[in-house]
């Protein structure tokens, strides 16, 4: 049976609950009704996590002045930002 339907307090709590739901569903011990309720809770947690990650990405873009560069390691295995340090 899923935990309370309230929004999780943090991203980490949501991920932990998602992992528990997956384990419980993979066990095969849930009734159809409980599996559907767990799946619905999982979808809500996933949306919470996606929104939280998207918000974090936007905050980083603001902090970096929208100048984020794609990660491109050089031949030495360092990123181009590490190599210039």
Protein backbone atom coordinates (compact mmCIF):
# COMPACT_ATOMS: atom_id res chain seq x y z
CA UNK A 1 0.00 0.00 0.00
CA UNK A 2 1.40 3.45 -0.84
CA UNK A 3 2.40 5.92 1.82
CA UNK A 4 0.41 9.09 2.39
CA UNK A 5 -0.61 10.97 -0.74
CA UNK A 6 0.91 14.24 0.47
CA UNK A 7 3.75 15.87 -1.40
CA UNK A 8 7.19 14.76 -0.23
CA UNK A 9 9.26 17.24 1.77
CA UNK A 10 12.40 16.85 -0.34
CA UNK A 11 13.66 15.39 -3.61
CA UNK A 12 15.63 12.78 -1.67
CA UNK A 13 12.54 11.66 0.26
CA UNK A 14 10.63 11.33 -3.02
CA UNK A 15 13.38 9.23 -4.63
CA UNK A 16 13.57 7.00 -1.56
CA UNK A 17 9.82 6.45 -1.59
CA UNK A 18 9.91 5.73 -5.34
CA UNK A 19 12.59 3.10 -4.79
CA UNK A 20 10.45 1.48 -2.07
CA UNK A 21 7.41 1.46 -4.35
CA UNK A 22 9.38 -0.18 -7.15
CA UNK A 23 10.69 -2.89 -4.81
CA UNK A 24 7.21 -3.53 -3.45
CA UNK A 25 5.67 -3.73 -6.92
CA UNK A 26 8.45 -6.01 -8.19
CA UNK A 27 7.82 -8.39 -5.28
CA UNK A 28 4.51 -9.39 -6.84
CA UNK A 29 2.78 -9.46 -3.46
CA UNK A 30 0.44 -6.52 -4.06
CA UNK A 31 -3.21 -6.94 -4.95
CA UNK A 32 -4.31 -5.31 -8.19
CA UNK A 33 -5.91 -2.43 -6.30
CA UNK A 34 -2.79 -1.83 -4.19
CA UNK A 35 -0.56 -2.08 -7.27
CA UNK A 36 -2.66 0.56 -9.05
CA UNK A 37 -2.57 2.84 -6.00
CA UNK A 38 1.21 2.37 -5.74
CA UNK A 39 1.62 3.08 -9.45
CA UNK A 40 -0.43 6.27 -9.13
CA UNK A 41 1.67 7.39 -6.14
CA UNK A 42 4.82 6.61 -8.12
CA UNK A 43 3.65 8.75 -11.03
CA UNK A 44 2.97 11.64 -8.66
CA UNK A 45 6.40 11.24 -7.05
CA UNK A 46 8.06 11.08 -10.46
CA UNK A 47 6.35 14.33 -11.50
CA UNK A 48 7.48 15.94 -8.24
CA UNK A 49 11.07 14.83 -8.94
CA UNK A 50 10.96 16.05 -12.55
CA UNK A 51 9.63 19.44 -11.46
CA UNK A 52 12.22 19.71 -8.69
CA UNK A 53 15.05 18.88 -11.13
CA UNK A 54 13.72 21.33 -13.71
CA UNK A 55 13.53 24.07 -11.07
CA UNK A 56 17.10 23.30 -9.97
CA UNK A 57 18.29 23.50 -13.58
CA UNK A 58 16.64 26.90 -13.98
CA UNK A 59 18.29 28.14 -10.77
CA UNK A 60 21.70 27.01 -12.04
CA UNK A 61 21.10 28.78 -15.36
CA UNK A 62 20.30 31.99 -13.49
CA UNK A 63 23.39 31.63 -11.30
CA UNK A 64 25.58 30.97 -14.35
CA UNK A 65 24.07 33.87 -16.28
CA UNK A 66 22.53 31.44 -18.78
CA UNK A 67 26.06 30.66 -20.00
CA UNK A 68 26.10 26.91 -19.34
CA UNK A 69 28.42 25.00 -21.61
CA UNK A 70 27.99 21.36 -22.59
CA UNK A 71 30.39 19.00 -20.84
CA UNK A 72 33.21 18.01 -23.18
CA UNK A 73 36.13 16.18 -21.58
CA UNK A 74 39.46 16.68 -23.28
CA UNK A 75 41.79 13.83 -24.16
CA UNK A 76 43.34 13.86 -20.66
CA UNK A 77 39.98 13.02 -19.12
CA UNK A 78 39.49 16.48 -17.59
CA UNK A 79 36.62 18.74 -18.54
CA UNK A 80 37.61 21.88 -20.36
CA UNK A 81 36.85 23.91 -17.23
CA UNK A 82 39.12 21.73 -15.08
CA UNK A 83 41.97 21.89 -17.59
CA UNK A 84 42.04 25.69 -17.43
CA UNK A 85 42.29 25.78 -13.63
